[in-house]
Amino acid sequence: MKTMVRKWGNSFGIRIPSAYIKEFDLKGGSLVEIKQNRGRLVIIPKKNTLDELLSKVNDKNMQERIDTGSPVGKEEW
């Protein structure tokens, strides 16, 4: 797929086609990494690790514990 480099303020930018937006689950504000590899620009979507996601949990956004009752099979809690 081809796209055009455009001037954006003092920088330049590209539009990412909607097919890639859907495929890589990108949204406005999504972080990506741009690398140079053998004369090519490579855009890599940033995926959060479990530790990064858990670091955002705090007392204000913690949900109440839900009692799911007693085990009904071979669950281990």
PDB file of N, CA and C in Angstrom:
ATOM      1  N   MET A   1       0.845  -1.164   0.000  1.00  0.00           N
ATOM      2  CA  MET A   1       0.000   0.000   0.000  1.00  0.00           C
ATOM      3  C   MET A   1       0.893   1.229   0.000  1.00  0.00           C
ATOM      4  N   LYS A   2       0.531   2.220  -0.774  1.00  0.00           N
ATOM      5  CA  LYS A   2       1.318   3.443  -0.844  1.00  0.00           C
ATOM      6  C   LYS A   2       0.589   4.563  -0.121  1.00  0.00           C
ATOM      7  N   THR A   3       1.372   5.477   0.435  1.00  0.00           N
ATOM      8  CA  THR A   3       0.828   6.672   1.060  1.00  0.00           C
ATOM      9  C   THR A   3       1.824   7.794   0.808  1.00  0.00           C
ATOM     10  N   MET A   4       1.430   9.030   1.089  1.00  0.00           N
ATOM     11  CA  MET A   4       2.276  10.172   0.792  1.00  0.00           C
ATOM     12  C   MET A   4       2.757  10.836   2.078  1.00  0.00           C
ATOM     13  N   VAL A   5       4.014  11.263   2.077  1.00  0.00           N
ATOM     14  CA  VAL A   5       4.565  12.026   3.189  1.00  0.00           C
ATOM     15  C   VAL A   5       4.045  13.453   3.065  1.00  0.00           C
ATOM     16  N   ARG A   6       3.534  14.002   4.152  1.00  0.00           N
ATOM     17  CA  ARG A   6       2.986  15.360   4.158  1.00  0.00           C
ATOM     18  C   ARG A   6       3.645  16.190   5.251  1.00  0.00           C
ATOM     19  N   LYS A   7       3.710  17.491   5.034  1.00  0.00           N
ATOM     20  CA  LYS A   7       4.244  18.407   6.036  1.00  0.00           C
ATOM     21  C   LYS A   7       3.210  18.573   7.137  1.00  0.00           C
ATOM     22  N   TRP A   8       3.680  18.552   8.388  1.00  0.00           N
ATOM     23  CA  TRP A   8       2.800  18.687   9.545  1.00  0.00           C
ATOM     24  C   TRP A   8       3.545  19.556  10.549  1.00  0.00           C
ATOM     25  N   GLY A   9       3.248  20.855  10.551  1.00  0.00           N
ATOM     26  CA  GLY A   9       4.008  21.790  11.381  1.00  0.00           C
ATOM     27  C   GLY A   9       5.443  21.824  10.901  1.00  0.00           C
ATOM     28  N   ASN A  10       6.394  21.645  11.824  1.00  0.00           N
ATOM     29  CA  ASN A  10       7.812  21.606  11.460  1.00  0.00           C
ATOM     30  C   ASN A  10       8.279  20.196  11.135  1.00  0.00           C
ATOM     31  N   SER A  11       7.388  19.231  11.187  1.00  0.00           N
ATOM     32  CA  SER A  11       7.735  17.834  10.949  1.00  0.00           C
ATOM     33  C   SER A  11       7.028  17.331   9.702  1.00  0.00           C
ATOM     34  N   PHE A  12       7.197  16.059   9.456  1.00  0.00           N
ATOM     35  CA  PHE A  12       6.491  15.394   8.378  1.00  0.00           C
ATOM     36  C   PHE A  12       5.753  14.199   8.952  1.00  0.00           C
ATOM     37  N   GLY A  13       4.686  13.791   8.301  1.00  0.00           N
ATOM     38  CA  GLY A  13       3.908  12.668   8.777  1.00  0.00           C
ATOM     39  C   GLY A  13       3.338  11.876   7.627  1.00  0.00           C
ATOM     40  N   ILE A  14       2.846  10.695   7.948  1.00  0.00           N
ATOM     41  CA  ILE A  14       2.164   9.869   6.955  1.00  0.00           C
ATOM     42  C   ILE A  14       0.813   9.471   7.531  1.00  0.00           C
ATOM     43  N   ARG A  15      -0.122   9.175   6.668  1.00  0.00           N
ATOM     44  CA  ARG A  15      -1.407   8.622   7.084  1.00  0.00           C
ATOM     45  C   ARG A  15      -1.301   7.114   7.004  1.00  0.00           C
ATOM     46  N   ILE A  16      -1.810   6.471   8.036  1.00  0.00           N
ATOM     47  CA  ILE A  16      -1.810   5.013   8.042  1.00  0.00           C
ATOM     48  C   ILE A  16      -3.163   4.558   7.514  1.00  0.00           C
ATOM     49  N   PRO A  17      -3.196   3.768   6.451  1.00  0.00           N
ATOM     50  CA  PRO A  17      -4.466   3.327   5.868  1.00  0.00           C
ATOM     51  C   PRO A  17      -5.334   2.581   6.885  1.00  0.00           C
ATOM     52  N   SER A  18      -6.644   2.726   6.748  1.00  0.00           N
ATOM     53  CA  SER A  18      -7.596   2.163   7.709  1.00  0.00           C
ATOM     54  C   SER A  18      -7.470   0.646   7.838  1.00  0.00           C
ATOM     55  N   ALA A  19      -7.077  -0.038   6.778  1.00  0.00           N
ATOM     56  CA  ALA A  19      -6.908  -1.498   6.866  1.00  0.00           C
ATOM     57  C   ALA A  19      -5.856  -1.849   7.912  1.00  0.00           C
ATOM     58  N   TYR A  20      -4.774  -1.069   7.981  1.00  0.00           N
ATOM     59  CA  TYR A  20      -3.726  -1.316   8.978  1.00  0.00           C
ATOM     60  C   TYR A  20      -4.178  -0.868  10.366  1.00  0.00           C
ATOM     61  N   ILE A  21      -4.953   0.195  10.424  1.00  0.00           N
ATOM     62  CA  ILE A  21      -5.481   0.660  11.713  1.00  0.00           C
ATOM     63  C   ILE A  21      -6.299  -0.460  12.355  1.00  0.00           C
ATOM     64  N   LYS A  22      -7.156  -1.093  11.557  1.00  0.00           N
ATOM     65  CA  LYS A  22      -7.986  -2.193  12.072  1.00  0.00           C
ATOM     66  C   LYS A  22      -7.141  -3.416  12.400  1.00  0.00           C
ATOM     67  N   GLU A  23      -6.245  -3.784  11.489  1.00  0.00           N
ATOM     68  CA  GLU A  23      -5.447  -4.996  11.665  1.00  0.00           C
ATOM     69  C   GLU A  23      -4.589  -4.939  12.930  1.00  0.00           C
ATOM     70  N   PHE A  24      -4.034  -3.759  13.233  1.00  0.00           N
ATOM     71  CA  PHE A  24      -3.138  -3.626  14.385  1.00  0.00           C
ATOM     72  C   PHE A  24      -3.813  -2.955  15.574  1.00  0.00           C
ATOM     73  N   ASP A  25      -5.129  -2.786  15.513  1.00  0.00           N
ATOM     74  CA  ASP A  25      -5.924  -2.232  16.604  1.00  0.00           C
ATOM     75  C   ASP A  25      -5.359  -0.902  17.106  1.00  0.00           C
ATOM     76  N   LEU A  26      -5.058   0.002  16.170  1.00  0.00           N
ATOM     77  CA  LEU A  26      -4.530   1.316  16.516  1.00  0.00           C
ATOM     78  C   LEU A  26      -5.674   2.294  16.736  1.00  0.00           C
ATOM     79  N   LYS A  27      -5.424   3.268  17.588  1.00  0.00           N
ATOM     80  CA  LYS A  27      -6.401   4.321  17.874  1.00  0.00           C
ATOM     81  C   LYS A  27      -5.653   5.641  17.942  1.00  0.00           C
ATOM     82  N   GLY A  28      -6.365   6.752  17.952  1.00  0.00           N
ATOM     83  CA  GLY A  28      -5.722   8.042  18.139  1.00  0.00           C
ATOM     84  C   GLY A  28      -4.969   8.027  19.460  1.00  0.00           C
ATOM     85  N   GLY A  29      -3.717   8.386  19.448  1.00  0.00           N
ATOM     86  CA  GLY A  29      -2.919   8.373  20.660  1.00  0.00           C
ATOM     87  C   GLY A  29      -2.142   7.084  20.871  1.00  0.00           C
ATOM     88  N   SER A  30      -2.345   6.083  20.009  1.00  0.00           N
ATOM     89  CA  SER A  30      -1.577   4.839  20.123  1.00  0.00           C
ATOM     90  C   SER A  30      -0.094   5.137  19.933  1.00  0.00           C
ATOM     91  N   LEU A  31       0.728   4.490  20.740  1.00  0.00           N
ATOM     92  CA  LEU A  31       2.171   4.651  20.605  1.00  0.00           C
ATOM     93  C   LEU A  31       2.712   3.650  19.599  1.00  0.00           C
ATOM     94  N   VAL A  32       3.649   4.118  18.783  1.00  0.00           N
ATOM     95  CA  VAL A  32       4.357   3.249  17.848  1.00  0.00           C
ATOM     96  C   VAL A  32       5.847   3.561  17.950  1.00  0.00           C
ATOM     97  N   GLU A  33       6.649   2.619  17.575  1.00  0.00           N
ATOM     98  CA  GLU A  33       8.096   2.817  17.522  1.00  0.00           C
ATOM     99  C   GLU A  33       8.493   2.859  16.057  1.00  0.00           C
ATOM    100  N   ILE A  34       9.354   3.799  15.691  1.00  0.00           N
ATOM    101  CA  ILE A  34       9.845   3.895  14.318  1.00  0.00           C
ATOM    102  C   ILE A  34      11.322   3.542  14.332  1.00  0.00           C
ATOM    103  N   LYS A  35      11.689   2.535  13.522  1.00  0.00           N
ATOM    104  CA  LYS A  35      13.072   2.091  13.444  1.00  0.00           C
ATOM    105  C   LYS A  35      13.547   2.147  12.001  1.00  0.00           C
ATOM    106  N   GLN A  36      14.844   2.254  11.860  1.00  0.00           N
ATOM    107  CA  GLN A  36      15.455   2.154  10.549  1.00  0.00           C
ATOM    108  C   GLN A  36      16.057   0.763  10.452  1.00  0.00           C
ATOM    109  N   ASN A  37      15.752   0.051   9.372  1.00  0.00           N
ATOM    110  CA  ASN A  37      16.262  -1.303   9.200  1.00  0.00           C
ATOM    111  C   ASN A  37      16.632  -1.516   7.741  1.00  0.00           C
ATOM    112  N   ARG A  38      17.939  -1.560   7.480  1.00  0.00           N
ATOM    113  CA  ARG A  38      18.443  -1.810   6.124  1.00  0.00           C
ATOM    114  C   ARG A  38      17.862  -0.845   5.094  1.00  0.00           C
ATOM    115  N   GLY A  39      17.871   0.441   5.427  1.00  0.00           N
ATOM    116  CA  GLY A  39      17.398   1.456   4.497  1.00  0.00           C
ATOM    117  C   GLY A  39      15.890   1.591   4.426  1.00  0.00           C
ATOM    118  N   ARG A  40      15.171   0.981   5.373  1.00  0.00           N
ATOM    119  CA  ARG A  40      13.714   1.060   5.409  1.00  0.00           C
ATOM    120  C   ARG A  40      13.264   1.636   6.737  1.00  0.00           C
ATOM    121  N   LEU A  41      12.135   2.326   6.731  1.00  0.00           N
ATOM    122  CA  LEU A  41      11.502   2.752   7.966  1.00  0.00           C
ATOM    123  C   LEU A  41      10.495   1.686   8.351  1.00  0.00           C
ATOM    124  N   VAL A  42      10.565   1.252   9.594  1.00  0.00           N
ATOM    125  CA  VAL A  42       9.662   0.221  10.090  1.00  0.00           C
ATOM    126  C   VAL A  42       8.864   0.813  11.245  1.00  0.00           C
ATOM    127  N   ILE A  43       7.541   0.738  11.173  1.00  0.00           N
ATOM    128  CA  ILE A  43       6.666   1.243  12.229  1.00  0.00           C
ATOM    129  C   ILE A  43       6.146   0.043  13.007  1.00  0.00           C
ATOM    130  N   ILE A  44       6.424   0.032  14.321  1.00  0.00           N
ATOM    131  CA  ILE A  44       6.054  -1.103  15.164  1.00  0.00           C
ATOM    132  C   ILE A  44       5.058  -0.636  16.215  1.00  0.00           C
ATOM    133  N   PRO A  45       3.822  -1.172  16.197  1.00  0.00           N
ATOM    134  CA  PRO A  45       2.849  -0.797  17.229  1.00  0.00           C
ATOM    135  C   PRO A  45       3.349  -1.203  18.607  1.00  0.00           C
ATOM    136  N   LYS A  46       3.194  -0.320  19.581  1.00  0.00           N
ATOM    137  CA  LYS A  46       3.614  -0.598  20.963  1.00  0.00           C
ATOM    138  C   LYS A  46       2.518  -1.371  21.651  1.00  0.00           C
ATOM    139  N   LYS A  47       2.859  -2.530  22.173  1.00  0.00           N
ATOM    140  CA  LYS A  47       1.918  -3.341  22.942  1.00  0.00           C
ATOM    141  C   LYS A  47       2.320  -3.266  24.401  1.00  0.00           C
ATOM    142  N   ASN A  48       1.357  -3.032  25.275  1.00  0.00           N
ATOM    143  CA  ASN A  48       1.629  -2.966  26.699  1.00  0.00           C
ATOM    144  C   ASN A  48       1.904  -4.357  27.257  1.00  0.00           C
ATOM    145  N   THR A  49       2.879  -4.436  28.157  1.00  0.00           N
ATOM    146  CA  THR A  49       3.127  -5.687  28.858  1.00  0.00           C
ATOM    147  C   THR A  49       2.158  -5.768  30.032  1.00  0.00           C
ATOM    148  N   LEU A  50       2.033  -6.940  30.616  1.00  0.00           N
ATOM    149  CA  LEU A  50       1.172  -7.104  31.776  1.00  0.00           C
ATOM    150  C   LEU A  50       1.635  -6.195  32.914  1.00  0.00           C
ATOM    151  N   ASP A  51       2.942  -6.095  33.122  1.00  0.00           N
ATOM    152  CA  ASP A  51       3.463  -5.232  34.184  1.00  0.00           C
ATOM    153  C   ASP A  51       3.105  -3.767  33.946  1.00  0.00           C
ATOM    154  N   GLU A  52       3.155  -3.320  32.679  1.00  0.00           N
ATOM    155  CA  GLU A  52       2.784  -1.932  32.370  1.00  0.00           C
ATOM    156  C   GLU A  52       1.300  -1.693  32.648  1.00  0.00           C
ATOM    157  N   LEU A  53       0.467  -2.658  32.280  1.00  0.00           N
ATOM    158  CA  LEU A  53      -0.965  -2.514  32.529  1.00  0.00           C
ATOM    159  C   LEU A  53      -1.265  -2.517  34.026  1.00  0.00           C
ATOM    160  N   LEU A  54      -0.646  -3.434  34.766  1.00  0.00           N
ATOM    161  CA  LEU A  54      -0.887  -3.518  36.205  1.00  0.00           C
ATOM    162  C   LEU A  54      -0.374  -2.290  36.947  1.00  0.00           C
ATOM    163  N   SER A  55       0.649  -1.619  36.406  1.00  0.00           N
ATOM    164  CA  SER A  55       1.181  -0.432  37.065  1.00  0.00           C
ATOM    165  C   SER A  55       0.174   0.719  37.056  1.00  0.00           C
ATOM    166  N   LYS A  56      -0.828   0.626  36.185  1.00  0.00           N
ATOM    167  CA  LYS A  56      -1.855   1.677  36.104  1.00  0.00           C
ATOM    168  C   LYS A  56      -3.002   1.455  37.090  1.00  0.00           C
ATOM    169  N   VAL A  57      -3.031   0.303  37.753  1.00  0.00           N
ATOM    170  CA  VAL A  57      -4.097   0.011  38.715  1.00  0.00           C
ATOM    171  C   VAL A  57      -3.791   0.742  40.019  1.00  0.00           C
ATOM    172  N   ASN A  58      -4.797   1.446  40.538  1.00  0.00           N
ATOM    173  CA  ASN A  58      -4.628   2.144  41.813  1.00  0.00           C
ATOM    174  C   ASN A  58      -5.949   2.094  42.584  1.00  0.00           C
ATOM    175  N   ASP A  59      -5.963   2.693  43.768  1.00  0.00           N
ATOM    176  CA  ASP A  59      -7.169   2.662  44.610  1.00  0.00           C
ATOM    177  C   ASP A  59      -8.374   3.309  43.938  1.00  0.00           C
ATOM    178  N   LYS A  60      -8.148   4.293  43.074  1.00  0.00           N
ATOM    179  CA  LYS A  60      -9.262   5.012  42.440  1.00  0.00           C
ATOM    180  C   LYS A  60      -9.927   4.205  41.324  1.00  0.00           C
ATOM    181  N   ASN A  61      -9.168   3.334  40.651  1.00  0.00           N
ATOM    182  CA  ASN A  61      -9.769   2.588  39.539  1.00  0.00           C
ATOM    183  C   ASN A  61      -9.915   1.092  39.827  1.00  0.00           C
ATOM    184  N   MET A  62      -9.638   0.695  41.065  1.00  0.00           N
ATOM    185  CA  MET A  62      -9.779  -0.715  41.462  1.00  0.00           C
ATOM    186  C   MET A  62     -11.262  -1.048  41.630  1.00  0.00           C
ATOM    187  N   GLN A  63     -11.693  -2.129  41.033  1.00  0.00           N
ATOM    188  CA  GLN A  63     -13.085  -2.551  41.161  1.00  0.00           C
ATOM    189  C   GLN A  63     -13.258  -3.412  42.404  1.00  0.00           C
ATOM    190  N   GLU A  64     -14.493  -3.458  42.869  1.00  0.00           N
ATOM    191  CA  GLU A  64     -14.804  -4.273  44.046  1.00  0.00           C
ATOM    192  C   GLU A  64     -14.656  -5.752  43.701  1.00  0.00           C
ATOM    193  N   ARG A  65     -14.308  -6.535  44.696  1.00  0.00           N
ATOM    194  CA  ARG A  65     -14.181  -7.974  44.519  1.00  0.00           C
ATOM    195  C   ARG A  65     -15.570  -8.579  44.325  1.00  0.00           C
ATOM    196  N   ILE A  66     -15.683  -9.559  43.447  1.00  0.00           N
ATOM    197  CA  ILE A  66     -16.958 -10.220  43.161  1.00  0.00           C
ATOM    198  C   ILE A  66     -16.879 -11.653  43.667  1.00  0.00           C
ATOM    199  N   ASP A  67     -17.821 -12.037  44.506  1.00  0.00           N
ATOM    200  CA  ASP A  67     -17.872 -13.404  45.023  1.00  0.00           C
ATOM    201  C   ASP A  67     -18.577 -14.278  43.991  1.00  0.00           C
ATOM    202  N   THR A  68     -17.858 -15.265  43.482  1.00  0.00           N
ATOM    203  CA  THR A  68     -18.442 -16.148  42.473  1.00  0.00           C
ATOM    204  C   THR A  68     -18.956 -17.442  43.062  1.00  0.00           C
ATOM    205  N   GLY A  69     -18.956 -17.541  44.379  1.00  0.00           N
ATOM    206  CA  GLY A  69     -19.502 -18.734  45.037  1.00  0.00           C
ATOM    207  C   GLY A  69     -18.448 -19.818  45.191  1.00  0.00           C
ATOM    208  N   SER A  70     -18.914 -20.964  45.628  1.00  0.00           N
ATOM    209  CA  SER A  70     -18.026 -22.103  45.867  1.00  0.00           C
ATOM    210  C   SER A  70     -17.655 -22.776  44.543  1.00  0.00           C
ATOM    211  N   PRO A  71     -16.507 -23.483  44.515  1.00  0.00           N
ATOM    212  CA  PRO A  71     -16.130 -24.226  43.311  1.00  0.00           C
ATOM    213  C   PRO A  71     -17.194 -25.268  42.965  1.00  0.00           C
ATOM    214  N   VAL A  72     -17.423 -25.476  41.683  1.00  0.00           N
ATOM    215  CA  VAL A  72     -18.417 -26.471  41.247  1.00  0.00           C
ATOM    216  C   VAL A  72     -17.765 -27.615  40.476  1.00  0.00           C
ATOM    217  N   GLY A  73     -16.484 -27.521  40.298  1.00  0.00           N
ATOM    218  CA  GLY A  73     -15.754 -28.554  39.566  1.00  0.00           C
ATOM    219  C   GLY A  73     -14.394 -28.743  40.184  1.00  0.00           C
ATOM    220  N   LYS A  74     -13.366 -28.720  39.356  1.00  0.00           N
ATOM    221  CA  LYS A  74     -12.002 -28.922  39.861  1.00  0.00           C
ATOM    222  C   LYS A  74     -11.202 -27.622  39.826  1.00  0.00           C
ATOM    223  N   GLU A  75     -11.899 -26.458  39.983  1.00  0.00           N
ATOM    224  CA  GLU A  75     -11.199 -25.187  39.982  1.00  0.00           C
ATOM    225  C   GLU A  75     -10.285 -25.104  41.198  1.00  0.00           C
ATOM    226  N   GLU A  76      -9.212 -24.382  41.040  1.00  0.00           N
ATOM    227  CA  GLU A  76      -8.313 -24.113  42.166  1.00  0.00           C
ATOM    228  C   GLU A  76      -8.258 -22.616  42.356  1.00  0.00           C
ATOM    229  N   TRP A  77      -8.605 -22.128  43.530  1.00  0.00           N
ATOM    230  CA  TRP A  77      -8.605 -20.687  43.796  1.00  0.00           C
ATOM    231  C   TRP A  77      -7.569 -20.355  44.795  1.00  0.00           C
TER     232      TRP A  77
END
